[in-house]
Amino acid sequence: MSNALTSKGQVTIPKRIRETLGVGPGESVDFRLNDRGEMVIERAGAGKPVESRFARWRGAWKGGMTTDEIMALTRGEPD
């Protein structure tokens, strides 16, 4: 996989790599050399924990259901 460097020092990160890193337009990546002298690209802040896609729902349920009822619902169990 080879990409040409622009006159501004920019290069396109291939889609497969962007998807693997989980980055999109406007997001940042870090470049560093590892101990073997290889260039490593990673999502900026990769050492920090990534917030779960469910985090915004944590503690938000106000439906009055029991834990067993919620688990049955998520498993698709009949009433």
PDB file of N, CA and C in Angstrom:
ATOM      1  N   MET A   1       0.859  -1.150   0.000  1.00  0.00           N
ATOM      2  CA  MET A   1       0.000   0.000   0.000  1.00  0.00           C
ATOM      3  C   MET A   1       0.915   1.225   0.000  1.00  0.00           C
ATOM      4  N   SER A   2       0.751   2.078  -0.980  1.00  0.00           N
ATOM      5  CA  SER A   2       1.617   3.239  -1.113  1.00  0.00           C
ATOM      6  C   SER A   2       0.773   4.474  -1.415  1.00  0.00           C
ATOM      7  N   ASN A   3       1.095   5.584  -0.759  1.00  0.00           N
ATOM      8  CA  ASN A   3       0.387   6.835  -0.974  1.00  0.00           C
ATOM      9  C   ASN A   3       1.394   7.944  -1.191  1.00  0.00           C
ATOM     10  N   ALA A   4       1.094   8.838  -2.121  1.00  0.00           N
ATOM     11  CA  ALA A   4       1.993   9.948  -2.422  1.00  0.00           C
ATOM     12  C   ALA A   4       1.811  11.066  -1.395  1.00  0.00           C
ATOM     13  N   LEU A   5       2.899  11.700  -1.021  1.00  0.00           N
ATOM     14  CA  LEU A   5       2.891  12.830  -0.112  1.00  0.00           C
ATOM     15  C   LEU A   5       2.595  14.095  -0.906  1.00  0.00           C
ATOM     16  N   THR A   6       1.663  14.921  -0.427  1.00  0.00           N
ATOM     17  CA  THR A   6       1.337  16.163  -1.131  1.00  0.00           C
ATOM     18  C   THR A   6       2.396  17.218  -0.833  1.00  0.00           C
ATOM     19  N   SER A   7       2.323  18.333  -1.534  1.00  0.00           N
ATOM     20  CA  SER A   7       3.273  19.424  -1.308  1.00  0.00           C
ATOM     21  C   SER A   7       3.130  20.018   0.089  1.00  0.00           C
ATOM     22  N   LYS A   8       1.991  19.788   0.738  1.00  0.00           N
ATOM     23  CA  LYS A   8       1.757  20.278   2.105  1.00  0.00           C
ATOM     24  C   LYS A   8       2.143  19.231   3.156  1.00  0.00           C
ATOM     25  N   GLY A   9       2.720  18.116   2.728  1.00  0.00           N
ATOM     26  CA  GLY A   9       3.126  17.070   3.657  1.00  0.00           C
ATOM     27  C   GLY A   9       1.984  16.182   4.103  1.00  0.00           C
ATOM     28  N   GLN A  10       0.900  16.143   3.341  1.00  0.00           N
ATOM     29  CA  GLN A  10      -0.267  15.353   3.703  1.00  0.00           C
ATOM     30  C   GLN A  10      -0.287  14.044   2.930  1.00  0.00           C
ATOM     31  N   VAL A  11      -0.932  13.058   3.535  1.00  0.00           N
ATOM     32  CA  VAL A  11      -1.107  11.757   2.894  1.00  0.00           C
ATOM     33  C   VAL A  11      -2.497  11.242   3.277  1.00  0.00           C
ATOM     34  N   THR A  12      -3.129  10.520   2.388  1.00  0.00           N
ATOM     35  CA  THR A  12      -4.443   9.952   2.665  1.00  0.00           C
ATOM     36  C   THR A  12      -4.261   8.644   3.426  1.00  0.00           C
ATOM     37  N   ILE A  13      -4.960   8.519   4.540  1.00  0.00           N
ATOM     38  CA  ILE A  13      -4.945   7.264   5.296  1.00  0.00           C
ATOM     39  C   ILE A  13      -5.996   6.361   4.661  1.00  0.00           C
ATOM     40  N   PRO A  14      -5.603   5.185   4.199  1.00  0.00           N
ATOM     41  CA  PRO A  14      -6.553   4.288   3.537  1.00  0.00           C
ATOM     42  C   PRO A  14      -7.753   3.950   4.424  1.00  0.00           C
ATOM     43  N   LYS A  15      -8.898   3.745   3.786  1.00  0.00           N
ATOM     44  CA  LYS A  15     -10.161   3.484   4.489  1.00  0.00           C
ATOM     45  C   LYS A  15     -10.038   2.325   5.464  1.00  0.00           C
ATOM     46  N   ARG A  16      -9.399   1.247   5.052  1.00  0.00           N
ATOM     47  CA  ARG A  16      -9.269   0.067   5.912  1.00  0.00           C
ATOM     48  C   ARG A  16      -8.549   0.414   7.221  1.00  0.00           C
ATOM     49  N   ILE A  17      -7.539   1.257   7.136  1.00  0.00           N
ATOM     50  CA  ILE A  17      -6.789   1.657   8.325  1.00  0.00           C
ATOM     51  C   ILE A  17      -7.613   2.615   9.172  1.00  0.00           C
ATOM     52  N   ARG A  18      -8.318   3.569   8.533  1.00  0.00           N
ATOM     53  CA  ARG A  18      -9.192   4.487   9.293  1.00  0.00           C
ATOM     54  C   ARG A  18     -10.245   3.707  10.061  1.00  0.00           C
ATOM     55  N   GLU A  19     -10.830   2.700   9.418  1.00  0.00           N
ATOM     56  CA  GLU A  19     -11.845   1.888  10.078  1.00  0.00           C
ATOM     57  C   GLU A  19     -11.247   1.097  11.240  1.00  0.00           C
ATOM     58  N   THR A  20     -10.058   0.548  11.043  1.00  0.00           N
ATOM     59  CA  THR A  20      -9.395  -0.204  12.101  1.00  0.00           C
ATOM     60  C   THR A  20      -9.082   0.686  13.292  1.00  0.00           C
ATOM     61  N   LEU A  21      -8.644   1.911  13.021  1.00  0.00           N
ATOM     62  CA  LEU A  21      -8.330   2.862  14.086  1.00  0.00           C
ATOM     63  C   LEU A  21      -9.593   3.453  14.712  1.00  0.00           C
ATOM     64  N   GLY A  22     -10.694   3.405  13.998  1.00  0.00           N
ATOM     65  CA  GLY A  22     -11.935   3.996  14.481  1.00  0.00           C
ATOM     66  C   GLY A  22     -11.919   5.510  14.412  1.00  0.00           C
ATOM     67  N   VAL A  23     -11.301   6.061  13.355  1.00  0.00           N
ATOM     68  CA  VAL A  23     -11.242   7.515  13.208  1.00  0.00           C
ATOM     69  C   VAL A  23     -11.982   7.946  11.951  1.00  0.00           C
ATOM     70  N   GLY A  24     -12.481   9.179  11.991  1.00  0.00           N
ATOM     71  CA  GLY A  24     -13.197   9.740  10.858  1.00  0.00           C
ATOM     72  C   GLY A  24     -12.776  11.179  10.643  1.00  0.00           C
ATOM     73  N   PRO A  25     -13.435  11.874   9.730  1.00  0.00           N
ATOM     74  CA  PRO A  25     -13.096  13.267   9.425  1.00  0.00           C
ATOM     75  C   PRO A  25     -13.085  14.142  10.678  1.00  0.00           C
ATOM     76  N   GLY A  26     -12.046  14.943  10.820  1.00  0.00           N
ATOM     77  CA  GLY A  26     -11.935  15.867  11.942  1.00  0.00           C
ATOM     78  C   GLY A  26     -11.321  15.267  13.200  1.00  0.00           C
ATOM     79  N   GLU A  27     -11.144  13.946  13.238  1.00  0.00           N
ATOM     80  CA  GLU A  27     -10.535  13.317  14.400  1.00  0.00           C
ATOM     81  C   GLU A  27      -9.018  13.290  14.241  1.00  0.00           C
ATOM     82  N   SER A  28      -8.319  13.167  15.354  1.00  0.00           N
ATOM     83  CA  SER A  28      -6.860  13.227  15.353  1.00  0.00           C
ATOM     84  C   SER A  28      -6.226  11.854  15.472  1.00  0.00           C
ATOM     85  N   VAL A  29      -5.043  11.739  14.887  1.00  0.00           N
ATOM     86  CA  VAL A  29      -4.216  10.540  15.019  1.00  0.00           C
ATOM     87  C   VAL A  29      -2.830  10.971  15.481  1.00  0.00           C
ATOM     88  N   ASP A  30      -2.134  10.054  16.122  1.00  0.00           N
ATOM     89  CA  ASP A  30      -0.764  10.296  16.562  1.00  0.00           C
ATOM     90  C   ASP A  30       0.177   9.419  15.754  1.00  0.00           C
ATOM     91  N   PHE A  31       1.369   9.950  15.477  1.00  0.00           N
ATOM     92  CA  PHE A  31       2.428   9.196  14.822  1.00  0.00           C
ATOM     93  C   PHE A  31       3.587   9.105  15.794  1.00  0.00           C
ATOM     94  N   ARG A  32       4.190   7.903  15.908  1.00  0.00           N
ATOM     95  CA  ARG A  32       5.355   7.744  16.782  1.00  0.00           C
ATOM     96  C   ARG A  32       6.235   6.631  16.235  1.00  0.00           C
ATOM     97  N   LEU A  33       7.494   6.658  16.650  1.00  0.00           N
ATOM     98  CA  LEU A  33       8.418   5.585  16.302  1.00  0.00           C
ATOM     99  C   LEU A  33       8.446   4.596  17.449  1.00  0.00           C
ATOM    100  N   ASN A  34       8.353   3.299  17.118  1.00  0.00           N
ATOM    101  CA  ASN A  34       8.454   2.301  18.176  1.00  0.00           C
ATOM    102  C   ASN A  34       9.930   1.964  18.417  1.00  0.00           C
ATOM    103  N   ASP A  35      10.181   1.016  19.305  1.00  0.00           N
ATOM    104  CA  ASP A  35      11.553   0.665  19.673  1.00  0.00           C
ATOM    105  C   ASP A  35      12.358   0.088  18.519  1.00  0.00           C
ATOM    106  N   ARG A  36      11.692  -0.413  17.505  1.00  0.00           N
ATOM    107  CA  ARG A  36      12.382  -0.990  16.338  1.00  0.00           C
ATOM    108  C   ARG A  36      12.546   0.019  15.210  1.00  0.00           C
ATOM    109  N   GLY A  37      12.177   1.272  15.460  1.00  0.00           N
ATOM    110  CA  GLY A  37      12.320   2.315  14.448  1.00  0.00           C
ATOM    111  C   GLY A  37      11.202   2.340  13.425  1.00  0.00           C
ATOM    112  N   GLU A  38      10.117   1.628  13.705  1.00  0.00           N
ATOM    113  CA  GLU A  38       8.976   1.591  12.795  1.00  0.00           C
ATOM    114  C   GLU A  38       7.997   2.704  13.154  1.00  0.00           C
ATOM    115  N   MET A  39       7.393   3.294  12.129  1.00  0.00           N
ATOM    116  CA  MET A  39       6.397   4.330  12.354  1.00  0.00           C
ATOM    117  C   MET A  39       5.079   3.668  12.727  1.00  0.00           C
ATOM    118  N   VAL A  40       4.463   4.152  13.809  1.00  0.00           N
ATOM    119  CA  VAL A  40       3.186   3.627  14.293  1.00  0.00           C
ATOM    120  C   VAL A  40       2.170   4.759  14.243  1.00  0.00           C
ATOM    121  N   ILE A  41       0.997   4.461  13.713  1.00  0.00           N
ATOM    122  CA  ILE A  41      -0.094   5.432  13.699  1.00  0.00           C
ATOM    123  C   ILE A  41      -1.187   4.885  14.604  1.00  0.00           C
ATOM    124  N   GLU A  42      -1.702   5.750  15.475  1.00  0.00           N
ATOM    125  CA  GLU A  42      -2.775   5.326  16.368  1.00  0.00           C
ATOM    126  C   GLU A  42      -3.730   6.473  16.600  1.00  0.00           C
ATOM    127  N   ARG A  43      -4.904   6.131  17.009  1.00  0.00           N
ATOM    128  CA  ARG A  43      -5.917   7.131  17.334  1.00  0.00           C
ATOM    129  C   ARG A  43      -5.372   8.019  18.452  1.00  0.00           C
ATOM    130  N   ALA A  44      -5.532   9.327  18.330  1.00  0.00           N
ATOM    131  CA  ALA A  44      -5.052  10.241  19.362  1.00  0.00           C
ATOM    132  C   ALA A  44      -5.699   9.875  20.688  1.00  0.00           C
ATOM    133  N   GLY A  45      -4.902   9.819  21.736  1.00  0.00           N
ATOM    134  CA  GLY A  45      -5.413   9.450  23.041  1.00  0.00           C
ATOM    135  C   GLY A  45      -5.656   7.971  23.175  1.00  0.00           C
ATOM    136  N   ALA A  46      -4.979   7.163  22.346  1.00  0.00           N
ATOM    137  CA  ALA A  46      -5.216   5.717  22.354  1.00  0.00           C
ATOM    138  C   ALA A  46      -4.936   5.094  23.712  1.00  0.00           C
ATOM    139  N   GLY A  47      -4.109   5.730  24.535  1.00  0.00           N
ATOM    140  CA  GLY A  47      -3.835   5.193  25.855  1.00  0.00           C
ATOM    141  C   GLY A  47      -4.954   5.445  26.840  1.00  0.00           C
ATOM    142  N   LYS A  48      -5.867   6.326  26.472  1.00  0.00           N
ATOM    143  CA  LYS A  48      -6.990   6.655  27.352  1.00  0.00           C
ATOM    144  C   LYS A  48      -8.133   5.687  27.078  1.00  0.00           C
ATOM    145  N   PRO A  49      -8.935   5.380  28.090  1.00  0.00           N
ATOM    146  CA  PRO A  49     -10.082   4.505  27.841  1.00  0.00           C
ATOM    147  C   PRO A  49     -11.089   5.179  26.906  1.00  0.00           C
ATOM    148  N   VAL A  50     -11.616   4.405  25.976  1.00  0.00           N
ATOM    149  CA  VAL A  50     -12.624   4.909  25.041  1.00  0.00           C
ATOM    150  C   VAL A  50     -13.990   4.749  25.693  1.00  0.00           C
ATOM    151  N   GLU A  51     -14.803   5.804  25.650  1.00  0.00           N
ATOM    152  CA  GLU A  51     -16.124   5.736  26.251  1.00  0.00           C
ATOM    153  C   GLU A  51     -16.992   4.767  25.464  1.00  0.00           C
ATOM    154  N   SER A  52     -17.680   3.928  26.181  1.00  0.00           N
ATOM    155  CA  SER A  52     -18.569   2.955  25.576  1.00  0.00           C
ATOM    156  C   SER A  52     -19.684   3.647  24.803  1.00  0.00           C
ATOM    157  N   ARG A  53     -20.139   3.030  23.735  1.00  0.00           N
ATOM    158  CA  ARG A  53     -21.261   3.591  22.974  1.00  0.00           C
ATOM    159  C   ARG A  53     -22.548   3.542  23.789  1.00  0.00           C
ATOM    160  N   PHE A  54     -22.528   2.800  24.896  1.00  0.00           N
ATOM    161  CA  PHE A  54     -23.688   2.704  25.763  1.00  0.00           C
ATOM    162  C   PHE A  54     -23.589   3.641  26.963  1.00  0.00           C
ATOM    163  N   ALA A  55     -22.479   4.339  27.116  1.00  0.00           N
ATOM    164  CA  ALA A  55     -22.244   5.160  28.310  1.00  0.00           C
ATOM    165  C   ALA A  55     -23.330   6.213  28.515  1.00  0.00           C
ATOM    166  N   ARG A  56     -23.838   6.788  27.447  1.00  0.00           N
ATOM    167  CA  ARG A  56     -24.842   7.841  27.610  1.00  0.00           C
ATOM    168  C   ARG A  56     -26.153   7.310  28.171  1.00  0.00           C
ATOM    169  N   TRP A  57     -26.367   5.997  28.085  1.00  0.00           N
ATOM    170  CA  TRP A  57     -27.593   5.401  28.605  1.00  0.00           C
ATOM    171  C   TRP A  57     -27.443   4.940  30.050  1.00  0.00           C
ATOM    172  N   ARG A  58     -26.218   4.906  30.536  1.00  0.00           N
ATOM    173  CA  ARG A  58     -25.977   4.413  31.893  1.00  0.00           C
ATOM    174  C   ARG A  58     -26.780   5.230  32.899  1.00  0.00           C
ATOM    175  N   GLY A  59     -27.607   4.557  33.656  1.00  0.00           N
ATOM    176  CA  GLY A  59     -28.390   5.222  34.681  1.00  0.00           C
ATOM    177  C   GLY A  59     -29.580   6.020  34.164  1.00  0.00           C
ATOM    178  N   ALA A  60     -29.915   5.886  32.883  1.00  0.00           N
ATOM    179  CA  ALA A  60     -30.959   6.710  32.294  1.00  0.00           C
ATOM    180  C   ALA A  60     -32.338   6.034  32.299  1.00  0.00           C
ATOM    181  N   TRP A  61     -32.398   4.727  32.542  1.00  0.00           N
ATOM    182  CA  TRP A  61     -33.667   4.009  32.436  1.00  0.00           C
ATOM    183  C   TRP A  61     -34.573   4.342  33.605  1.00  0.00           C
ATOM    184  N   LYS A  62     -35.780   4.744  33.304  1.00  0.00           N
ATOM    185  CA  LYS A  62     -36.758   5.088  34.341  1.00  0.00           C
ATOM    186  C   LYS A  62     -38.061   4.331  34.114  1.00  0.00           C
ATOM    187  N   GLY A  63     -37.959   3.136  33.543  1.00  0.00           N
ATOM    188  CA  GLY A  63     -39.143   2.394  33.132  1.00  0.00           C
ATOM    189  C   GLY A  63     -39.839   1.597  34.216  1.00  0.00           C
ATOM    190  N   GLY A  64     -39.262   1.492  35.414  1.00  0.00           N
ATOM    191  CA  GLY A  64     -39.910   0.775  36.489  1.00  0.00           C
ATOM    192  C   GLY A  64     -39.903  -0.731  36.325  1.00  0.00           C
ATOM    193  N   MET A  65     -39.030  -1.269  35.465  1.00  0.00           N
ATOM    194  CA  MET A  65     -38.956  -2.719  35.278  1.00  0.00           C
ATOM    195  C   MET A  65     -37.901  -3.291  36.212  1.00  0.00           C
ATOM    196  N   THR A  66     -38.071  -4.549  36.556  1.00  0.00           N
ATOM    197  CA  THR A  66     -37.064  -5.225  37.365  1.00  0.00           C
ATOM    198  C   THR A  66     -35.901  -5.629  36.463  1.00  0.00           C
ATOM    199  N   THR A  67     -34.789  -5.963  37.081  1.00  0.00           N
ATOM    200  CA  THR A  67     -33.627  -6.423  36.317  1.00  0.00           C
ATOM    201  C   THR A  67     -33.979  -7.670  35.511  1.00  0.00           C
ATOM    202  N   ASP A  68     -34.703  -8.600  36.112  1.00  0.00           N
ATOM    203  CA  ASP A  68     -35.098  -9.822  35.413  1.00  0.00           C
ATOM    204  C   ASP A  68     -35.971  -9.512  34.193  1.00  0.00           C
ATOM    205  N   GLU A  69     -36.883  -8.553  34.330  1.00  0.00           N
ATOM    206  CA  GLU A  69     -37.741  -8.165  33.202  1.00  0.00           C
ATOM    207  C   GLU A  69     -36.915  -7.541  32.077  1.00  0.00           C
ATOM    208  N   ILE A  70     -35.965  -6.704  32.441  1.00  0.00           N
ATOM    209  CA  ILE A  70     -35.104  -6.072  31.430  1.00  0.00           C
ATOM    210  C   ILE A  70     -34.259  -7.120  30.722  1.00  0.00           C
ATOM    211  N   MET A  71     -33.680  -8.061  31.488  1.00  0.00           N
ATOM    212  CA  MET A  71     -32.856  -9.107  30.879  1.00  0.00           C
ATOM    213  C   MET A  71     -33.679  -9.991  29.950  1.00  0.00           C
ATOM    214  N   ALA A  72     -34.893 -10.323  30.347  1.00  0.00           N
ATOM    215  CA  ALA A  72     -35.767 -11.120  29.491  1.00  0.00           C
ATOM    216  C   ALA A  72     -36.077 -10.365  28.204  1.00  0.00           C
ATOM    217  N   LEU A  73     -36.302  -9.075  28.315  1.00  0.00           N
ATOM    218  CA  LEU A  73     -36.589  -8.251  27.146  1.00  0.00           C
ATOM    219  C   LEU A  73     -35.392  -8.220  26.191  1.00  0.00           C
ATOM    220  N   THR A  74     -34.182  -8.048  26.732  1.00  0.00           N
ATOM    221  CA  THR A  74     -32.993  -7.991  25.871  1.00  0.00           C
ATOM    222  C   THR A  74     -32.679  -9.323  25.220  1.00  0.00           C
ATOM    223  N   ARG A  75     -33.083 -10.412  25.863  1.00  0.00           N
ATOM    224  CA  ARG A  75     -32.846 -11.748  25.309  1.00  0.00           C
ATOM    225  C   ARG A  75     -33.951 -12.193  24.353  1.00  0.00           C
ATOM    226  N   GLY A  76     -35.032 -11.408  24.312  1.00  0.00           N
ATOM    227  CA  GLY A  76     -36.143 -11.765  23.429  1.00  0.00           C
ATOM    228  C   GLY A  76     -36.979 -12.903  23.972  1.00  0.00           C
ATOM    229  N   GLU A  77     -36.956 -13.072  25.296  1.00  0.00           N
ATOM    230  CA  GLU A  77     -37.733 -14.141  25.905  1.00  0.00           C
ATOM    231  C   GLU A  77     -39.220 -13.765  25.919  1.00  0.00           C
ATOM    232  N   PRO A  78     -40.071 -14.754  25.731  1.00  0.00           N
ATOM    233  CA  PRO A  78     -41.520 -14.471  25.772  1.00  0.00           C
ATOM    234  C   PRO A  78     -41.959 -14.074  27.165  1.00  0.00           C
ATOM    235  N   ASP A  79     -43.046 -13.359  27.247  1.00  0.00           N
ATOM    236  CA  ASP A  79     -43.587 -12.921  28.553  1.00  0.00           C
ATOM    237  C   ASP A  79     -44.017 -14.075  29.398  1.00  0.00           C
TER     238      ASP A  79
END
